[in-house]
Amino acid sequence: MADITAAMVKELRDSTGAGMMDAKKALVENNGDMEASVDWLRQKGLSKAAKKSGRTAAEGLVAVAKSGTSAVVLEINAETDFLSRNTEFQTFVRKAAELALTKASTIEELAAADYGDGKTVQETLTNLIATIGENMSLRRMQKLTVKTGVVSTYIHNATAENLGKIGVLVALESGADTAKLDMLGKQIAMHIAATSPAFLSSASVDPAVLERERNVIRETAREQGKADDIIEKMLDGRVRKFLEEVVLLEQTFIMDGETKVSKVVENAAKEHSSSVELVGYVRYQLGEGIEKEETDFAAEVAKAANG
């Protein structure tokens, strides 16, 4: 049997909202397997969260930059939210995003890229850390490019131009007027910022994810006392509902509350008399998946007072 630690119990509680004893029992029942424990709690109706999601705990800025038929989104982390309003930090993040667009394909390449004054991006960041006195790090970047069409950008909760807490890219392949296409792309990007889809299309859903969801539905229904033949009949409908929640093209467009995103794209193609294909998207939320160390401020003060 796996050794169930307090940290494991806390992680499961944070991701599901379950009680401490329920979280511990789930881990014991599933030999410490975190994903299986999440599913077990869902099946028992003890999880308050439909799915495990990353915790937003780091600070800093998400930036977007675009040129021609390419765009990039970049995340640079810092220790405090205060730094996101520092103009020197903002200038660095904005220039780093522009360099990511033209000089790099990976975060490692960006770190090694020439920033100016004989220094790389990473060396410039190191100097900034020494100047400001706060730790910072290049976290991640992703670039999208289309042959013909646009890659639209959107920043939610903007701190300054092209800088904020959520950055979205939407790639549309089309021969339609780029200005009108970009308007559509920005609307879809706003939708993505709000709904955070996990997949572009039903075809792109990982079969393992789909099978896992089927198993959760089955076991939840069994816990509710439903017969196996009834469960199998309801599976397709429940899976379809799941896809409508996590697949971008299957989601209901937030701009009108009734049309599927796939239909919105189809209607745009008819309106512009040109094929329009949503070929990709990226959504970065600041600090996503990074767990920030929790500190007891009162304890820190007491410790400092006692030397």
Protein backbone atom coordinates (compact mmCIF):
# COMPACT_ATOMS: atom_id res chain seq x y z
CA MET A 1 0.00 0.00 0.00
CA ALA A 2 1.25 3.47 -0.87
CA ASP A 3 2.20 5.82 1.94
CA ILE A 4 -0.59 8.41 2.10
CA THR A 5 0.90 11.73 3.21
CA ALA A 6 -0.79 14.85 4.52
CA ALA A 7 0.43 16.71 1.43
CA MET A 8 -1.35 14.19 -0.84
CA VAL A 9 -4.57 14.59 1.14
CA LYS A 10 -4.31 18.38 0.92
CA GLU A 11 -3.69 18.27 -2.85
CA LEU A 12 -6.77 16.08 -3.37
CA ARG A 13 -8.91 18.28 -1.13
CA ASP A 14 -7.79 21.43 -2.97
CA SER A 15 -8.56 19.95 -6.38
CA THR A 16 -11.95 18.44 -5.51
CA GLY A 17 -13.37 20.32 -2.53
CA ALA A 18 -13.90 17.02 -0.71
CA GLY A 19 -13.65 16.67 3.08
CA MET A 20 -10.38 15.59 4.68
CA MET A 21 -11.52 12.10 5.69
CA ASP A 22 -13.17 11.49 2.31
CA ALA A 23 -9.99 12.59 0.52
CA LYS A 24 -7.85 10.30 2.68
CA LYS A 25 -10.21 7.35 2.15
CA ALA A 26 -10.16 7.94 -1.62
CA LEU A 27 -6.36 7.84 -1.64
CA VAL A 28 -6.29 4.69 0.48
CA GLU A 29 -8.86 2.98 -1.74
CA ASN A 30 -6.83 3.86 -4.86
CA ASN A 31 -3.35 3.18 -3.49
CA GLY A 32 -2.31 6.83 -3.68
CA ASP A 33 -3.22 7.29 -7.37
CA MET A 34 -4.36 10.95 -7.57
CA GLU A 35 -6.42 10.73 -10.79
CA ALA A 36 -8.13 7.51 -9.69
CA SER A 37 -8.91 9.15 -6.34
CA VAL A 38 -10.52 12.13 -8.09
CA ASP A 39 -12.69 9.74 -10.10
CA TRP A 40 -13.57 7.75 -6.95
CA LEU A 41 -14.78 10.91 -5.19
CA ARG A 42 -16.82 11.89 -8.25
CA GLN A 43 -18.41 8.46 -8.37
CA LYS A 44 -19.35 8.73 -4.69
CA GLY A 45 -20.74 12.22 -5.20
CA LEU A 46 -18.17 13.62 -2.78
CA SER A 47 -16.26 15.87 -5.19
CA LYS A 48 -17.34 19.46 -5.58
CA ALA A 49 -15.25 19.88 -8.72
CA ALA A 50 -16.13 18.25 -12.05
CA LYS A 51 -12.51 17.88 -13.00
CA LYS A 52 -9.10 18.50 -11.63
CA SER A 53 -7.78 21.91 -12.72
CA GLY A 54 -4.58 23.86 -12.31
CA ARG A 55 -4.41 26.29 -9.43
CA THR A 56 -3.55 29.86 -10.32
CA ALA A 57 -0.94 30.74 -7.71
CA ALA A 58 1.97 32.54 -9.42
CA GLU A 59 2.14 36.21 -10.37
CA GLY A 60 3.69 38.09 -13.29
CA LEU A 61 2.31 38.74 -16.77
CA VAL A 62 1.00 36.96 -19.86
CA ALA A 63 1.85 38.77 -23.11
CA VAL A 64 0.76 38.45 -26.73
CA ALA A 65 2.47 39.70 -29.89
CA LYS A 66 1.58 39.30 -33.56
CA SER A 67 3.00 40.04 -36.98
CA GLY A 68 1.61 39.02 -40.37
CA THR A 69 0.12 35.54 -40.13
CA SER A 70 1.84 34.59 -36.86
CA ALA A 71 1.27 35.35 -33.19
CA VAL A 72 2.76 34.26 -29.89
CA VAL A 73 1.67 34.08 -26.26
CA LEU A 74 4.28 34.22 -23.49
CA GLU A 75 4.15 33.87 -19.71
CA ILE A 76 6.78 35.35 -17.41
CA ASN A 77 6.31 34.75 -13.69
CA ALA A 78 7.17 36.92 -10.70
CA GLU A 79 6.63 36.73 -6.95
CA THR A 80 4.04 39.48 -6.46
CA ASP A 81 1.13 41.00 -8.32
CA PHE A 82 2.64 44.43 -7.61
CA LEU A 83 5.41 43.76 -10.13
CA SER A 84 2.88 43.37 -12.98
CA ARG A 85 2.32 47.14 -12.74
CA ASN A 86 6.03 47.95 -12.78
CA THR A 87 6.79 49.70 -16.09
CA GLU A 88 10.34 48.29 -16.27
CA PHE A 89 8.99 44.75 -15.92
CA GLN A 90 6.23 45.45 -18.44
CA THR A 91 8.76 46.75 -20.97
CA PHE A 92 10.86 43.61 -20.56
CA VAL A 93 7.88 41.26 -20.95
CA ARG A 94 6.59 43.10 -24.02
CA LYS A 95 10.00 43.05 -25.75
CA ALA A 96 10.52 39.39 -24.80
CA ALA A 97 7.19 38.55 -26.47
CA GLU A 98 8.25 40.36 -29.64
CA LEU A 99 11.53 38.42 -29.64
CA ALA A 100 9.63 35.17 -29.05
CA LEU A 101 7.61 35.92 -32.17
CA THR A 102 10.61 36.50 -34.42
CA LYS A 103 13.64 34.81 -32.82
CA ALA A 104 12.48 31.68 -30.98
CA SER A 105 10.36 28.55 -31.21
CA THR A 106 10.83 27.38 -27.61
CA ILE A 107 11.27 29.02 -24.22
CA GLU A 108 14.88 27.79 -24.19
CA GLU A 109 15.58 29.49 -27.52
CA LEU A 110 14.00 32.67 -26.19
CA ALA A 111 16.20 32.60 -23.08
CA ALA A 112 19.29 32.42 -25.32
CA ALA A 113 18.11 35.05 -27.83
CA ASP A 114 19.87 38.41 -28.11
CA TYR A 115 17.99 41.03 -26.09
CA GLY A 116 20.38 43.89 -26.84
CA ASP A 117 23.42 45.54 -25.26
CA GLY A 118 25.34 42.30 -25.67
CA LYS A 119 23.03 40.37 -23.33
CA THR A 120 20.65 37.47 -23.86
CA VAL A 121 17.03 37.56 -22.71
CA GLN A 122 17.92 35.42 -19.68
CA GLU A 123 20.90 37.61 -18.75
CA THR A 124 18.72 40.70 -19.00
CA LEU A 125 16.12 39.06 -16.78
CA THR A 126 18.83 38.13 -14.26
CA ASN A 127 19.93 41.77 -14.13
CA LEU A 128 16.31 42.84 -13.68
CA ILE A 129 15.99 40.45 -10.74
CA ALA A 130 19.05 42.03 -9.13
CA THR A 131 17.69 45.54 -9.74
CA ILE A 132 14.11 44.99 -8.56
CA GLY A 133 14.92 42.43 -5.88
CA GLU A 134 12.21 39.96 -6.81
CA ASN A 135 12.56 36.53 -8.38
CA MET A 136 11.25 36.16 -11.96
CA SER A 137 11.32 33.38 -14.54
CA LEU A 138 10.57 32.69 -18.19
CA ARG A 139 7.88 30.05 -17.96
CA ARG A 140 6.35 29.12 -21.32
CA MET A 141 5.53 30.32 -24.83
CA GLN A 142 3.58 29.07 -27.83
CA LYS A 143 3.37 30.34 -31.37
CA LEU A 144 0.64 29.82 -34.00
CA THR A 145 1.01 30.46 -37.73
CA VAL A 146 -1.41 30.15 -40.65
CA LYS A 147 -0.63 30.04 -44.38
CA THR A 148 -3.52 32.32 -45.28
CA GLY A 149 -5.77 34.10 -42.82
CA VAL A 150 -5.13 35.49 -39.34
CA VAL A 151 -3.99 34.58 -35.87
CA SER A 152 -6.07 36.78 -33.58
CA THR A 153 -4.93 37.76 -30.09
CA TYR A 154 -6.83 38.70 -26.96
CA ILE A 155 -5.81 39.70 -23.44
CA HIS A 156 -8.32 39.39 -20.60
CA ASN A 157 -7.84 41.47 -17.44
CA ALA A 158 -5.34 43.65 -19.28
CA THR A 159 -2.74 45.41 -17.13
CA ALA A 160 -1.34 47.31 -20.12
CA GLU A 161 -1.46 46.94 -23.90
CA ASN A 162 -0.99 43.26 -24.85
CA LEU A 163 -0.23 42.36 -21.21
CA GLY A 164 -2.49 40.80 -18.59
CA LYS A 165 -3.57 37.68 -16.73
CA ILE A 166 -5.12 35.60 -19.55
CA GLY A 167 -3.79 35.52 -23.10
CA VAL A 168 -5.49 33.77 -26.03
CA LEU A 169 -4.51 33.05 -29.63
CA VAL A 170 -6.99 31.89 -32.31
CA ALA A 171 -5.79 30.68 -35.72
CA LEU A 172 -8.20 30.99 -38.64
CA GLU A 173 -7.26 29.68 -42.09
CA SER A 174 -9.20 31.63 -44.74
CA GLY A 175 -8.97 33.80 -47.81
CA ALA A 176 -11.59 36.18 -46.41
CA ASP A 177 -10.93 39.85 -45.63
CA THR A 178 -8.38 39.83 -42.80
CA ALA A 179 -9.96 42.70 -40.85
CA LYS A 180 -13.35 40.93 -40.73
CA LEU A 181 -11.64 37.63 -40.01
CA ASP A 182 -9.74 39.18 -37.11
CA MET A 183 -13.01 40.44 -35.60
CA LEU A 184 -14.34 36.88 -35.65
CA GLY A 185 -11.07 35.59 -34.19
CA LYS A 186 -11.19 38.07 -31.31
CA GLN A 187 -14.77 37.08 -30.48
CA ILE A 188 -13.81 33.40 -30.41
CA ALA A 189 -10.76 34.29 -28.30
CA MET A 190 -13.01 36.05 -25.78
CA HIS A 191 -15.18 32.93 -25.70
CA ILE A 192 -12.09 30.77 -25.06
CA ALA A 193 -10.91 33.08 -22.27
CA ALA A 194 -14.28 32.59 -20.55
CA THR A 195 -14.84 28.85 -21.13
CA SER A 196 -11.29 27.40 -21.17
CA PRO A 197 -11.98 24.47 -23.55
CA ALA A 198 -9.66 21.48 -23.26
CA PHE A 199 -9.84 20.36 -26.91
CA LEU A 200 -10.39 21.93 -30.33
CA SER A 201 -12.64 19.24 -31.83
CA SER A 202 -14.28 15.97 -30.83
CA ALA A 203 -11.77 14.15 -33.03
CA SER A 204 -8.89 15.64 -31.05
CA VAL A 205 -10.12 14.36 -27.67
CA ASP A 206 -7.69 11.83 -26.20
CA PRO A 207 -9.42 8.39 -26.29
CA ALA A 208 -8.09 7.71 -22.78
CA VAL A 209 -9.82 10.86 -21.50
CA LEU A 210 -13.08 9.81 -23.15
CA GLU A 211 -12.89 6.29 -21.73
CA ARG A 212 -12.12 7.65 -18.30
CA GLU A 213 -15.21 9.87 -18.48
CA ARG A 214 -17.33 6.90 -19.60
CA ASN A 215 -16.11 4.93 -16.58
CA VAL A 216 -16.92 7.80 -14.22
CA ILE A 217 -20.44 8.05 -15.69
CA ARG A 218 -20.96 4.28 -15.38
CA GLU A 219 -19.75 4.05 -11.78
CA THR A 220 -21.65 7.17 -10.71
CA ALA A 221 -24.86 5.74 -12.14
CA ARG A 222 -24.22 2.38 -10.41
CA GLU A 223 -23.73 4.19 -7.10
CA GLN A 224 -27.16 5.74 -7.72
CA GLY A 225 -28.65 2.26 -8.15
CA LYS A 226 -29.27 2.34 -11.89
CA ALA A 227 -29.34 -0.95 -13.82
CA ASP A 228 -26.58 -1.71 -16.33
CA ASP A 229 -28.92 -1.68 -19.34
CA ILE A 230 -30.20 1.77 -18.36
CA ILE A 231 -26.64 2.99 -17.84
CA GLU A 232 -25.56 1.91 -21.34
CA LYS A 233 -28.56 3.71 -22.87
CA MET A 234 -27.72 6.96 -21.09
CA LEU A 235 -23.98 6.83 -21.82
CA ASP A 236 -24.08 8.41 -25.28
CA GLY A 237 -26.12 11.36 -24.09
CA ARG A 238 -23.88 11.97 -21.09
CA VAL A 239 -20.72 11.71 -23.21
CA ARG A 240 -22.21 14.13 -25.73
CA LYS A 241 -22.89 16.58 -22.90
CA PHE A 242 -19.30 16.15 -21.68
CA LEU A 243 -17.97 16.97 -25.17
CA GLU A 244 -20.16 20.07 -25.32
CA GLU A 245 -18.45 21.24 -22.14
CA VAL A 246 -14.80 20.59 -23.04
CA VAL A 247 -14.59 20.79 -26.87
CA LEU A 248 -14.34 24.29 -28.34
CA LEU A 249 -16.23 23.59 -31.58
CA GLU A 250 -19.03 21.86 -29.63
CA GLN A 251 -19.47 24.64 -27.06
CA THR A 252 -22.30 27.17 -27.20
CA PHE A 253 -20.93 30.55 -28.30
CA ILE A 254 -21.06 32.96 -25.34
CA MET A 255 -21.79 35.92 -27.63
CA ASP A 256 -25.32 34.72 -28.41
CA GLY A 257 -25.86 31.85 -25.96
CA GLU A 258 -27.41 29.53 -28.55
CA THR A 259 -25.13 28.83 -31.54
CA LYS A 260 -22.36 26.23 -31.49
CA VAL A 261 -18.89 27.61 -32.18
CA SER A 262 -18.62 25.27 -35.18
CA LYS A 263 -21.79 26.83 -36.62
CA VAL A 264 -20.46 30.34 -35.97
CA VAL A 265 -17.41 29.50 -38.11
CA GLU A 266 -19.62 27.91 -40.77
CA ASN A 267 -21.86 31.00 -40.88
CA ALA A 268 -18.79 33.24 -41.23
CA ALA A 269 -17.67 31.25 -44.28
CA LYS A 270 -21.05 31.82 -45.93
CA GLU A 271 -21.04 35.51 -45.02
CA HIS A 272 -17.56 36.11 -46.44
CA SER A 273 -17.99 33.75 -49.42
CA SER A 274 -14.77 32.00 -48.48
CA SER A 275 -13.86 28.87 -46.54
CA VAL A 276 -13.05 29.57 -42.88
CA GLU A 277 -11.38 26.93 -40.70
CA LEU A 278 -10.54 27.26 -37.02
CA VAL A 279 -7.25 25.34 -37.02
CA GLY A 280 -5.87 26.04 -33.56
CA TYR A 281 -5.98 28.02 -30.34
CA VAL A 282 -3.91 28.62 -27.22
CA ARG A 283 -5.09 29.84 -23.82
CA TYR A 284 -2.59 30.83 -21.12
CA GLN A 285 -3.81 31.81 -17.67
CA LEU A 286 -1.27 33.39 -15.37
CA GLY A 287 0.13 30.95 -12.82
CA GLU A 288 -1.92 28.04 -14.15
CA GLY A 289 -0.74 24.78 -12.57
CA ILE A 290 1.83 26.40 -10.29
CA GLU A 291 1.25 25.90 -6.59
CA LYS A 292 2.31 28.87 -4.52
CA GLU A 293 3.75 28.19 -1.09
CA GLU A 294 1.29 29.17 1.62
CA THR A 295 2.76 31.03 4.56
CA ASP A 296 1.39 31.82 8.00
CA PHE A 297 1.97 35.57 8.29
CA ALA A 298 1.23 35.66 12.04
CA ALA A 299 3.73 32.85 12.62
CA GLU A 300 6.36 34.72 10.57
CA VAL A 301 5.86 37.88 12.63
CA ALA A 302 6.07 35.92 15.89
CA LYS A 303 9.24 34.17 14.71
CA ALA A 304 10.84 37.48 13.76
CA ALA A 305 9.86 39.03 17.12
CA ASN A 306 11.45 36.16 18.99
CA GLY A 307 14.69 36.51 17.03
